[in-house]
Structure formats: structure tokens, C-alpha cells
Amino acid sequence: LVQAGDSLRLSCAASGRTFSSYDMGWFRQAPGKEREFVAA
């Protein structure tokens, strides 16, 4: 929980030895909305 204007860093740790061979993406889903692309 943060205030408007603040910063936050999300991390995603992956298992496996082939991480570098995968495209990685971030998506988000707000209440009542469909999941949407954020960044990749």
C-alpha cells in the first residue's frame, strides 16, 4: 500500500535453469476488469 506519487519495486523470482531463454512480462488486473499487459 502506497500513496499517489510514491515508488515501488516488484520482483519476480523464477525457478529453473532456463530463465534467460524466456520472455518475461508483467500484467495486472484491477477489480472488475480484465487482466492487462503492463511491461515485458
PDB file of all heavy atoms in Angstrom:
ATOM      1  N   LEU A   1       0.857  -1.190   0.000  1.00  0.00           N
ATOM      2  CA  LEU A   1       0.000   0.000   0.000  1.00  0.00           C
ATOM      3  C   LEU A   1       0.892   1.239   0.000  1.00  0.00           C
ATOM      4  O   LEU A   1       1.729   1.395   0.896  1.00  0.00           O
ATOM      5  CB  LEU A   1      -0.905  -0.004   1.230  1.00  0.00           C
ATOM      6  CG  LEU A   1      -1.741   1.254   1.483  1.00  0.00           C
ATOM      7  CD1 LEU A   1      -2.717   1.493   0.343  1.00  0.00           C
ATOM      8  CD2 LEU A   1      -2.468   1.128   2.808  1.00  0.00           C
ATOM      9  N   VAL A   2       0.712   2.079  -0.999  1.00  0.00           N
ATOM     10  CA  VAL A   2       1.495   3.308  -1.104  1.00  0.00           C
ATOM     11  C   VAL A   2       0.568   4.473  -1.426  1.00  0.00           C
ATOM     12  O   VAL A   2      -0.606   4.268  -1.763  1.00  0.00           O
ATOM     13  CB  VAL A   2       2.596   3.201  -2.177  1.00  0.00           C
ATOM     14  CG1 VAL A   2       3.603   2.115  -1.823  1.00  0.00           C
ATOM     15  CG2 VAL A   2       1.976   2.945  -3.548  1.00  0.00           C
ATOM     16  N   GLN A   3       1.111   5.662  -1.338  1.00  0.00           N
ATOM     17  CA  GLN A   3       0.346   6.851  -1.688  1.00  0.00           C
ATOM     18  C   GLN A   3       0.657   7.264  -3.125  1.00  0.00           C
ATOM     19  O   GLN A   3       1.708   6.917  -3.672  1.00  0.00           O
ATOM     20  CB  GLN A   3       0.686   7.994  -0.736  1.00  0.00           C
ATOM     21  CG  GLN A   3       0.238   7.749   0.688  1.00  0.00           C
ATOM     22  CD  GLN A   3       0.457   8.956   1.582  1.00  0.00           C
ATOM     23  OE1 GLN A   3       1.321   9.786   1.318  1.00  0.00           O
ATOM     24  NE2 GLN A   3      -0.335   9.062   2.634  1.00  0.00           N
ATOM     25  N   ALA A   4      -0.262   8.010  -3.678  1.00  0.00           N
ATOM     26  CA  ALA A   4      -0.063   8.521  -5.038  1.00  0.00           C
ATOM     27  C   ALA A   4       1.241   9.305  -5.100  1.00  0.00           C
ATOM     28  O   ALA A   4       1.536  10.096  -4.205  1.00  0.00           O
ATOM     29  CB  ALA A   4      -1.233   9.391  -5.447  1.00  0.00           C
ATOM     30  N   GLY A   5       2.008   9.055  -6.159  1.00  0.00           N
ATOM     31  CA  GLY A   5       3.286   9.717  -6.324  1.00  0.00           C
ATOM     32  C   GLY A   5       4.468   8.921  -5.800  1.00  0.00           C
ATOM     33  O   GLY A   5       5.621   9.240  -6.122  1.00  0.00           O
ATOM     34  N   ASP A   6       4.186   7.907  -5.018  1.00  0.00           N
ATOM     35  CA  ASP A   6       5.254   7.070  -4.456  1.00  0.00           C
ATOM     36  C   ASP A   6       5.818   6.110  -5.499  1.00  0.00           C
ATOM     37  O   ASP A   6       5.271   5.975  -6.608  1.00  0.00           O
ATOM     38  CB  ASP A   6       4.734   6.278  -3.266  1.00  0.00           C
ATOM     39  CG  ASP A   6       4.599   7.123  -2.025  1.00  0.00           C
ATOM     40  OD1 ASP A   6       5.034   8.291  -2.038  1.00  0.00           O
ATOM     41  OD2 ASP A   6       4.023   6.625  -1.039  1.00  0.00           O
ATOM     42  N   SER A   7       6.880   5.433  -5.099  1.00  0.00           N
ATOM     43  CA  SER A   7       7.502   4.420  -5.949  1.00  0.00           C
ATOM     44  C   SER A   7       7.450   3.062  -5.261  1.00  0.00           C
ATOM     45  O   SER A   7       7.347   2.978  -4.031  1.00  0.00           O
ATOM     46  CB  SER A   7       8.956   4.788  -6.238  1.00  0.00           C
ATOM     47  OG  SER A   7       9.040   6.005  -6.952  1.00  0.00           O
ATOM     48  N   LEU A   8       7.550   2.031  -6.078  1.00  0.00           N
ATOM     49  CA  LEU A   8       7.519   0.665  -5.573  1.00  0.00           C
ATOM     50  C   LEU A   8       8.256  -0.206  -6.578  1.00  0.00           C
ATOM     51  O   LEU A   8       8.172   0.041  -7.798  1.00  0.00           O
ATOM     52  CB  LEU A   8       6.073   0.198  -5.435  1.00  0.00           C
ATOM     53  CG  LEU A   8       5.703  -0.908  -4.460  1.00  0.00           C
ATOM     54  CD1 LEU A   8       6.099  -0.528  -3.040  1.00  0.00           C
ATOM     55  CD2 LEU A   8       4.204  -1.189  -4.535  1.00  0.00           C
ATOM     56  N   ARG A   9       8.957  -1.211  -6.074  1.00  0.00           N
ATOM     57  CA  ARG A   9       9.627  -2.137  -6.979  1.00  0.00           C
ATOM     58  C   ARG A   9       9.114  -3.550  -6.735  1.00  0.00           C
ATOM     59  O   ARG A   9       9.215  -4.056  -5.625  1.00  0.00           O
ATOM     60  CB  ARG A   9      11.145  -2.109  -6.823  1.00  0.00           C
ATOM     61  CG  ARG A   9      11.845  -2.940  -7.898  1.00  0.00           C
ATOM     62  CD  ARG A   9      13.351  -2.881  -7.818  1.00  0.00           C
ATOM     63  NE  ARG A   9      13.892  -3.774  -6.811  1.00  0.00           N
ATOM     64  CZ  ARG A   9      15.146  -4.224  -6.813  1.00  0.00           C
ATOM     65  NH1 ARG A   9      15.988  -3.843  -7.772  1.00  0.00           N
ATOM     66  NH2 ARG A   9      15.561  -5.032  -5.855  1.00  0.00           N
ATOM     67  N   LEU A  10       8.601  -4.134  -7.781  1.00  0.00           N
ATOM     68  CA  LEU A  10       8.172  -5.522  -7.734  1.00  0.00           C
ATOM     69  C   LEU A  10       9.295  -6.422  -8.223  1.00  0.00           C
ATOM     70  O   LEU A  10      10.047  -6.043  -9.126  1.00  0.00           O
ATOM     71  CB  LEU A  10       6.935  -5.737  -8.598  1.00  0.00           C
ATOM     72  CG  LEU A  10       5.723  -4.844  -8.314  1.00  0.00           C
ATOM     73  CD1 LEU A  10       4.562  -5.238  -9.229  1.00  0.00           C
ATOM     74  CD2 LEU A  10       5.316  -4.906  -6.869  1.00  0.00           C
ATOM     75  N   SER A  11       9.378  -7.599  -7.615  1.00  0.00           N
ATOM     76  CA  SER A  11      10.348  -8.598  -8.040  1.00  0.00           C
ATOM     77  C   SER A  11       9.622  -9.889  -8.383  1.00  0.00           C
ATOM     78  O   SER A  11       8.571 -10.186  -7.807  1.00  0.00           O
ATOM     79  CB  SER A  11      11.366  -8.866  -6.936  1.00  0.00           C
ATOM     80  OG  SER A  11      12.079  -7.703  -6.597  1.00  0.00           O
ATOM     81  N   CYS A  12      10.199 -10.617  -9.300  1.00  0.00           N
ATOM     82  CA  CYS A  12       9.647 -11.923  -9.660  1.00  0.00           C
ATOM     83  C   CYS A  12      10.815 -12.887  -9.775  1.00  0.00           C
ATOM     84  O   CYS A  12      11.651 -12.754 -10.675  1.00  0.00           O
ATOM     85  CB  CYS A  12       8.880 -11.840 -10.961  1.00  0.00           C
ATOM     86  SG  CYS A  12       8.325 -13.435 -11.611  1.00  0.00           S
ATOM     87  N   ALA A  13      10.860 -13.823  -8.859  1.00  0.00           N
ATOM     88  CA  ALA A  13      11.926 -14.822  -8.853  1.00  0.00           C
ATOM     89  C   ALA A  13      11.445 -16.076  -9.569  1.00  0.00           C
ATOM     90  O   ALA A  13      10.348 -16.577  -9.295  1.00  0.00           O
ATOM     91  CB  ALA A  13      12.327 -15.147  -7.428  1.00  0.00           C
ATOM     92  N   ALA A  14      12.274 -16.570 -10.467  1.00  0.00           N
ATOM     93  CA  ALA A  14      11.912 -17.744 -11.259  1.00  0.00           C
ATOM     94  C   ALA A  14      12.795 -18.930 -10.908  1.00  0.00           C
ATOM     95  O   ALA A  14      13.988 -18.786 -10.635  1.00  0.00           O
ATOM     96  CB  ALA A  14      12.055 -17.433 -12.743  1.00  0.00           C
ATOM     97  N   SER A  15      12.178 -20.085 -10.899  1.00  0.00           N
ATOM     98  CA  SER A  15      12.940 -21.306 -10.706  1.00  0.00           C
ATOM     99  C   SER A  15      13.398 -21.819 -12.059  1.00  0.00           C
ATOM    100  O   SER A  15      12.940 -21.365 -13.104  1.00  0.00           O
ATOM    101  CB  SER A  15      12.077 -22.358 -10.027  1.00  0.00           C
ATOM    102  OG  SER A  15      11.018 -22.726 -10.898  1.00  0.00           O
ATOM    103  N   GLY A  16      14.289 -22.770 -12.043  1.00  0.00           N
ATOM    104  CA  GLY A  16      14.700 -23.380 -13.302  1.00  0.00           C
ATOM    105  C   GLY A  16      15.981 -22.785 -13.853  1.00  0.00           C
ATOM    106  O   GLY A  16      16.359 -21.654 -13.522  1.00  0.00           O
ATOM    107  N   ARG A  17      16.605 -23.544 -14.741  1.00  0.00           N
ATOM    108  CA  ARG A  17      17.894 -23.143 -15.283  1.00  0.00           C
ATOM    109  C   ARG A  17      17.786 -22.440 -16.622  1.00  0.00           C
ATOM    110  O   ARG A  17      18.789 -22.035 -17.180  1.00  0.00           O
ATOM    111  CB  ARG A  17      18.777 -24.374 -15.439  1.00  0.00           C
ATOM    112  CG  ARG A  17      19.119 -25.047 -14.124  1.00  0.00           C
ATOM    113  CD  ARG A  17      19.910 -26.324 -14.371  1.00  0.00           C
ATOM    114  NE  ARG A  17      19.088 -27.333 -15.023  1.00  0.00           N
ATOM    115  CZ  ARG A  17      19.539 -28.517 -15.407  1.00  0.00           C
ATOM    116  NH1 ARG A  17      20.806 -28.820 -15.232  1.00  0.00           N
ATOM    117  NH2 ARG A  17      18.741 -29.386 -15.983  1.00  0.00           N
ATOM    118  N   THR A  18      16.572 -22.297 -17.139  1.00  0.00           N
ATOM    119  CA  THR A  18      16.415 -21.738 -18.475  1.00  0.00           C
ATOM    120  C   THR A  18      15.754 -20.367 -18.464  1.00  0.00           C
ATOM    121  O   THR A  18      15.158 -19.959 -19.442  1.00  0.00           O
ATOM    122  CB  THR A  18      15.589 -22.696 -19.345  1.00  0.00           C
ATOM    123  OG1 THR A  18      14.310 -22.890 -18.728  1.00  0.00           O
ATOM    124  CG2 THR A  18      16.306 -24.007 -19.519  1.00  0.00           C
ATOM    125  N   PHE A  19      15.857 -19.665 -17.362  1.00  0.00           N
ATOM    126  CA  PHE A  19      15.212 -18.365 -17.225  1.00  0.00           C
ATOM    127  C   PHE A  19      15.581 -17.441 -18.369  1.00  0.00           C
ATOM    128  O   PHE A  19      14.732 -16.739 -18.919  1.00  0.00           O
ATOM    129  CB  PHE A  19      15.618 -17.741 -15.884  1.00  0.00           C
ATOM    130  CG  PHE A  19      15.151 -16.324 -15.700  1.00  0.00           C
ATOM    131  CD1 PHE A  19      13.843 -16.065 -15.308  1.00  0.00           C
ATOM    132  CD2 PHE A  19      16.008 -15.253 -15.901  1.00  0.00           C
ATOM    133  CE1 PHE A  19      13.398 -14.767 -15.123  1.00  0.00           C
ATOM    134  CE2 PHE A  19      15.572 -13.952 -15.723  1.00  0.00           C
ATOM    135  CZ  PHE A  19      14.264 -13.709 -15.327  1.00  0.00           C
ATOM    136  N   SER A  20      16.840 -17.427 -18.747  1.00  0.00           N
ATOM    137  CA  SER A  20      17.306 -16.484 -19.761  1.00  0.00           C
ATOM    138  C   SER A  20      16.688 -16.736 -21.133  1.00  0.00           C
ATOM    139  O   SER A  20      16.729 -15.863 -21.997  1.00  0.00           O
ATOM    140  CB  SER A  20      18.830 -16.533 -19.859  1.00  0.00           C
ATOM    141  OG  SER A  20      19.257 -17.816 -20.237  1.00  0.00           O
ATOM    142  N   SER A  21      16.108 -17.905 -21.335  1.00  0.00           N
ATOM    143  CA  SER A  21      15.526 -18.223 -22.633  1.00  0.00           C
ATOM    144  C   SER A  21      14.056 -17.835 -22.735  1.00  0.00           C
ATOM    145  O   SER A  21      13.425 -18.048 -23.767  1.00  0.00           O
ATOM    146  CB  SER A  21      15.673 -19.718 -22.930  1.00  0.00           C
ATOM    147  OG  SER A  21      14.862 -20.482 -22.065  1.00  0.00           O
ATOM    148  N   TYR A  22      13.507 -17.273 -21.672  1.00  0.00           N
ATOM    149  CA  TYR A  22      12.102 -16.883 -21.641  1.00  0.00           C
ATOM    150  C   TYR A  22      11.930 -15.378 -21.749  1.00  0.00           C
ATOM    151  O   TYR A  22      12.676 -14.605 -21.138  1.00  0.00           O
ATOM    152  CB  TYR A  22      11.436 -17.346 -20.346  1.00  0.00           C
ATOM    153  CG  TYR A  22      11.152 -18.826 -20.290  1.00  0.00           C
ATOM    154  CD1 TYR A  22      12.086 -19.712 -19.772  1.00  0.00           C
ATOM    155  CD2 TYR A  22       9.937 -19.335 -20.758  1.00  0.00           C
ATOM    156  CE1 TYR A  22      11.828 -21.069 -19.733  1.00  0.00           C
ATOM    157  CE2 TYR A  22       9.673 -20.689 -20.716  1.00  0.00           C
ATOM    158  CZ  TYR A  22      10.615 -21.549 -20.198  1.00  0.00           C
ATOM    159  OH  TYR A  22      10.364 -22.899 -20.155  1.00  0.00           O
ATOM    160  N   ASP A  23      10.925 -14.985 -22.509  1.00  0.00           N
ATOM    161  CA  ASP A  23      10.439 -13.621 -22.406  1.00  0.00           C
ATOM    162  C   ASP A  23       9.743 -13.486 -21.061  1.00  0.00           C
ATOM    163  O   ASP A  23       9.068 -14.413 -20.605  1.00  0.00           O
ATOM    164  CB  ASP A  23       9.424 -13.318 -23.519  1.00  0.00           C
ATOM    165  CG  ASP A  23      10.054 -13.362 -24.899  1.00  0.00           C
ATOM    166  OD1 ASP A  23      11.215 -12.958 -25.042  1.00  0.00           O
ATOM    167  OD2 ASP A  23       9.369 -13.810 -25.833  1.00  0.00           O
ATOM    168  N   MET A  24       9.887 -12.338 -20.424  1.00  0.00           N
ATOM    169  CA  MET A  24       9.262 -12.107 -19.130  1.00  0.00           C
ATOM    170  C   MET A  24       8.338 -10.904 -19.210  1.00  0.00           C
ATOM    171  O   MET A  24       8.700  -9.867 -19.774  1.00  0.00           O
ATOM    172  CB  MET A  24      10.320 -11.863 -18.057  1.00  0.00           C
ATOM    173  CG  MET A  24      11.273 -13.031 -17.841  1.00  0.00           C
ATOM    174  SD  MET A  24      10.422 -14.545 -17.326  1.00  0.00           S
ATOM    175  CE  MET A  24       9.703 -14.030 -15.766  1.00  0.00           C
ATOM    176  N   GLY A  25       7.166 -11.070 -18.622  1.00  0.00           N
ATOM    177  CA  GLY A  25       6.197  -9.988 -18.687  1.00  0.00           C
ATOM    178  C   GLY A  25       5.542  -9.716 -17.355  1.00  0.00           C
ATOM    179  O   GLY A  25       5.547 -10.555 -16.455  1.00  0.00           O
ATOM    180  N   TRP A  26       5.014  -8.513 -17.238  1.00  0.00           N
ATOM    181  CA  TRP A  26       4.181  -8.132 -16.101  1.00  0.00           C
ATOM    182  C   TRP A  26       2.803  -7.756 -16.636  1.00  0.00           C
ATOM    183  O   TRP A  26       2.676  -7.006 -17.596  1.00  0.00           O
ATOM    184  CB  TRP A  26       4.776  -6.933 -15.364  1.00  0.00           C
ATOM    185  CG  TRP A  26       5.981  -7.240 -14.539  1.00  0.00           C
ATOM    186  CD1 TRP A  26       7.288  -7.076 -14.890  1.00  0.00           C
ATOM    187  CD2 TRP A  26       5.983  -7.772 -13.209  1.00  0.00           C
ATOM    188  NE1 TRP A  26       8.109  -7.475 -13.866  1.00  0.00           N
ATOM    189  CE2 TRP A  26       7.333  -7.893 -12.812  1.00  0.00           C
ATOM    190  CE3 TRP A  26       4.991  -8.140 -12.298  1.00  0.00           C
ATOM    191  CZ2 TRP A  26       7.717  -8.387 -11.558  1.00  0.00           C
ATOM    192  CZ3 TRP A  26       5.354  -8.618 -11.063  1.00  0.00           C
ATOM    193  CH2 TRP A  26       6.705  -8.739 -10.697  1.00  0.00           C
ATOM    194  N   PHE A  27       1.805  -8.293 -15.973  1.00  0.00           N
ATOM    195  CA  PHE A  27       0.419  -7.976 -16.268  1.00  0.00           C
ATOM    196  C   PHE A  27      -0.242  -7.535 -14.973  1.00  0.00           C
ATOM    197  O   PHE A  27       0.283  -7.765 -13.886  1.00  0.00           O
ATOM    198  CB  PHE A  27      -0.308  -9.206 -16.827  1.00  0.00           C
ATOM    199  CG  PHE A  27       0.136  -9.593 -18.215  1.00  0.00           C
ATOM    200  CD1 PHE A  27       1.359 -10.216 -18.422  1.00  0.00           C
ATOM    201  CD2 PHE A  27      -0.667  -9.339 -19.310  1.00  0.00           C
ATOM    202  CE1 PHE A  27       1.779 -10.567 -19.688  1.00  0.00           C
ATOM    203  CE2 PHE A  27      -0.259  -9.691 -20.597  1.00  0.00           C
ATOM    204  CZ  PHE A  27       0.962 -10.304 -20.780  1.00  0.00           C
ATOM    205  N   ARG A  28      -1.401  -6.919 -15.077  1.00  0.00           N
ATOM    206  CA  ARG A  28      -2.130  -6.531 -13.873  1.00  0.00           C
ATOM    207  C   ARG A  28      -3.623  -6.672 -14.087  1.00  0.00           C
ATOM    208  O   ARG A  28      -4.109  -6.603 -15.210  1.00  0.00           O
ATOM    209  CB  ARG A  28      -1.786  -5.099 -13.468  1.00  0.00           C
ATOM    210  CG  ARG A  28      -2.258  -4.032 -14.448  1.00  0.00           C
ATOM    211  CD  ARG A  28      -1.738  -2.665 -14.019  1.00  0.00           C
ATOM    212  NE  ARG A  28      -2.192  -1.602 -14.927  1.00  0.00           N
ATOM    213  CZ  ARG A  28      -1.769  -0.343 -14.862  1.00  0.00           C
ATOM    214  NH1 ARG A  28      -0.873   0.018 -13.935  1.00  0.00           N
ATOM    215  NH2 ARG A  28      -2.224   0.551 -15.723  1.00  0.00           N
ATOM    216  N   GLN A  29      -4.305  -6.871 -12.979  1.00  0.00           N
ATOM    217  CA  GLN A  29      -5.759  -6.988 -13.033  1.00  0.00           C
ATOM    218  C   GLN A  29      -6.364  -6.175 -11.909  1.00  0.00           C
ATOM    219  O   GLN A  29      -6.130  -6.472 -10.728  1.00  0.00           O
ATOM    220  CB  GLN A  29      -6.204  -8.441 -12.931  1.00  0.00           C
ATOM    221  CG  GLN A  29      -7.690  -8.623 -13.142  1.00  0.00           C
ATOM    222  CD  GLN A  29      -8.061 -10.068 -13.333  1.00  0.00           C
ATOM    223  OE1 GLN A  29      -7.343 -10.981 -12.931  1.00  0.00           O
ATOM    224  NE2 GLN A  29      -9.205 -10.303 -13.970  1.00  0.00           N
ATOM    225  N   ALA A  30      -7.108  -5.163 -12.284  1.00  0.00           N
ATOM    226  CA  ALA A  30      -7.809  -4.330 -11.316  1.00  0.00           C
ATOM    227  C   ALA A  30      -9.173  -4.950 -11.026  1.00  0.00           C
ATOM    228  O   ALA A  30      -9.694  -5.722 -11.842  1.00  0.00           O
ATOM    229  CB  ALA A  30      -7.974  -2.922 -11.872  1.00  0.00           C
ATOM    230  N   PRO A  31      -9.761  -4.621  -9.886  1.00  0.00           N
ATOM    231  CA  PRO A  31     -11.079  -5.175  -9.542  1.00  0.00           C
ATOM    232  C   PRO A  31     -12.111  -4.889 -10.618  1.00  0.00           C
ATOM    233  O   PRO A  31     -12.250  -3.749 -11.067  1.00  0.00           O
ATOM    234  CB  PRO A  31     -11.418  -4.458  -8.234  1.00  0.00           C
ATOM    235  CG  PRO A  31     -10.107  -4.090  -7.656  1.00  0.00           C
ATOM    236  CD  PRO A  31      -9.224  -3.776  -8.818  1.00  0.00           C
ATOM    237  N   GLY A  32     -12.801  -5.925 -11.043  1.00  0.00           N
ATOM    238  CA  GLY A  32     -13.848  -5.767 -12.039  1.00  0.00           C
ATOM    239  C   GLY A  32     -13.368  -5.575 -13.456  1.00  0.00           C
ATOM    240  O   GLY A  32     -14.176  -5.321 -14.358  1.00  0.00           O
ATOM    241  N   LYS A  33     -12.063  -5.709 -13.664  1.00  0.00           N
ATOM    242  CA  LYS A  33     -11.519  -5.509 -15.011  1.00  0.00           C
ATOM    243  C   LYS A  33     -10.753  -6.738 -15.465  1.00  0.00           C
ATOM    244  O   LYS A  33     -10.372  -7.580 -14.661  1.00  0.00           O
ATOM    245  CB  LYS A  33     -10.603  -4.285 -15.042  1.00  0.00           C
ATOM    246  CG  LYS A  33     -11.318  -2.972 -14.769  1.00  0.00           C
ATOM    247  CD  LYS A  33     -10.384  -1.796 -14.965  1.00  0.00           C
ATOM    248  CE  LYS A  33     -11.110  -0.474 -14.753  1.00  0.00           C
ATOM    249  NZ  LYS A  33     -10.206   0.693 -14.963  1.00  0.00           N
ATOM    250  N   GLU A  34     -10.527  -6.827 -16.760  1.00  0.00           N
ATOM    251  CA  GLU A  34      -9.745  -7.919 -17.284  1.00  0.00           C
ATOM    252  C   GLU A  34      -8.257  -7.667 -17.043  1.00  0.00           C
ATOM    253  O   GLU A  34      -7.811  -6.535 -16.882  1.00  0.00           O
ATOM    254  CB  GLU A  34     -10.010  -8.078 -18.791  1.00  0.00           C
ATOM    255  CG  GLU A  34     -11.431  -8.488 -19.129  1.00  0.00           C
ATOM    256  CD  GLU A  34     -11.605  -8.793 -20.590  1.00  0.00           C
ATOM    257  OE1 GLU A  34     -10.676  -8.514 -21.376  1.00  0.00           O
ATOM    258  OE2 GLU A  34     -12.685  -9.300 -20.955  1.00  0.00           O
ATOM    259  N   ARG A  35      -7.519  -8.737 -17.050  1.00  0.00           N
ATOM    260  CA  ARG A  35      -6.069  -8.624 -16.894  1.00  0.00           C
ATOM    261  C   ARG A  35      -5.493  -7.934 -18.127  1.00  0.00           C
ATOM    262  O   ARG A  35      -5.899  -8.223 -19.264  1.00  0.00           O
ATOM    263  CB  ARG A  35      -5.448  -9.998 -16.688  1.00  0.00           C
ATOM    264  CG  ARG A  35      -3.997  -9.943 -16.275  1.00  0.00           C
ATOM    265  CD  ARG A  35      -3.580 -11.210 -15.542  1.00  0.00           C
ATOM    266  NE  ARG A  35      -3.830 -12.431 -16.278  1.00  0.00           N
ATOM    267  CZ  ARG A  35      -3.603 -13.649 -15.784  1.00  0.00           C
ATOM    268  NH1 ARG A  35      -3.146 -13.796 -14.559  1.00  0.00           N
ATOM    269  NH2 ARG A  35      -3.848 -14.715 -16.519  1.00  0.00           N
ATOM    270  N   GLU A  36      -4.529  -7.045 -17.894  1.00  0.00           N
ATOM    271  CA  GLU A  36      -3.955  -6.284 -18.999  1.00  0.00           C
ATOM    272  C   GLU A  36      -2.435  -6.308 -18.952  1.00  0.00           C
ATOM    273  O   GLU A  36      -1.833  -6.448 -17.885  1.00  0.00           O
ATOM    274  CB  GLU A  36      -4.440  -4.830 -18.963  1.00  0.00           C
ATOM    275  CG  GLU A  36      -4.006  -4.053 -17.738  1.00  0.00           C
ATOM    276  CD  GLU A  36      -4.440  -2.595 -17.771  1.00  0.00           C
ATOM    277  OE1 GLU A  36      -5.126  -2.181 -18.729  1.00  0.00           O
ATOM    278  OE2 GLU A  36      -4.068  -1.844 -16.837  1.00  0.00           O
ATOM    279  N   PHE A  37      -1.856  -6.143 -20.109  1.00  0.00           N
ATOM    280  CA  PHE A  37      -0.415  -6.094 -20.245  1.00  0.00           C
ATOM    281  C   PHE A  37       0.128  -4.813 -19.626  1.00  0.00           C
ATOM    282  O   PHE A  37      -0.461  -3.739 -19.777  1.00  0.00           O
ATOM    283  CB  PHE A  37      -0.041  -6.146 -21.730  1.00  0.00           C
ATOM    284  CG  PHE A  37       1.387  -5.831 -22.028  1.00  0.00           C
ATOM    285  CD1 PHE A  37       2.379  -6.764 -21.760  1.00  0.00           C
ATOM    286  CD2 PHE A  37       1.745  -4.597 -22.563  1.00  0.00           C
ATOM    287  CE1 PHE A  37       3.705  -6.476 -22.029  1.00  0.00           C
ATOM    288  CE2 PHE A  37       3.065  -4.303 -22.838  1.00  0.00           C
ATOM    289  CZ  PHE A  37       4.049  -5.243 -22.565  1.00  0.00           C
ATOM    290  N   VAL A  38       1.276  -4.914 -18.949  1.00  0.00           N
ATOM    291  CA  VAL A  38       1.935  -3.750 -18.370  1.00  0.00           C
ATOM    292  C   VAL A  38       3.303  -3.520 -19.013  1.00  0.00           C
ATOM    293  O   VAL A  38       3.589  -2.439 -19.533  1.00  0.00           O
ATOM    294  CB  VAL A  38       2.106  -3.910 -16.850  1.00  0.00           C
ATOM    295  CG1 VAL A  38       2.882  -2.725 -16.272  1.00  0.00           C
ATOM    296  CG2 VAL A  38       0.751  -4.049 -16.161  1.00  0.00           C
ATOM    297  N   ALA A  39       4.139  -4.538 -18.958  1.00  0.00           N
ATOM    298  CA  ALA A  39       5.501  -4.390 -19.482  1.00  0.00           C
ATOM    299  C   ALA A  39       6.087  -5.765 -19.767  1.00  0.00           C
ATOM    300  O   ALA A  39       5.638  -6.765 -19.196  1.00  0.00           O
ATOM    301  CB  ALA A  39       6.392  -3.647 -18.498  1.00  0.00           C
ATOM    302  N   ALA A  40       7.094  -5.812 -20.643  1.00  0.00           N
ATOM    303  CA  ALA A  40       7.751  -7.076 -20.956  1.00  0.00           C
ATOM    304  C   ALA A  40       9.201  -6.833 -21.333  1.00  0.00           C
ATOM    305  O   ALA A  40       9.557  -5.755 -21.826  1.00  0.00           O
ATOM    306  CB  ALA A  40       7.031  -7.794 -22.099  1.00  0.00           C
TER     307      ALA A  40
END
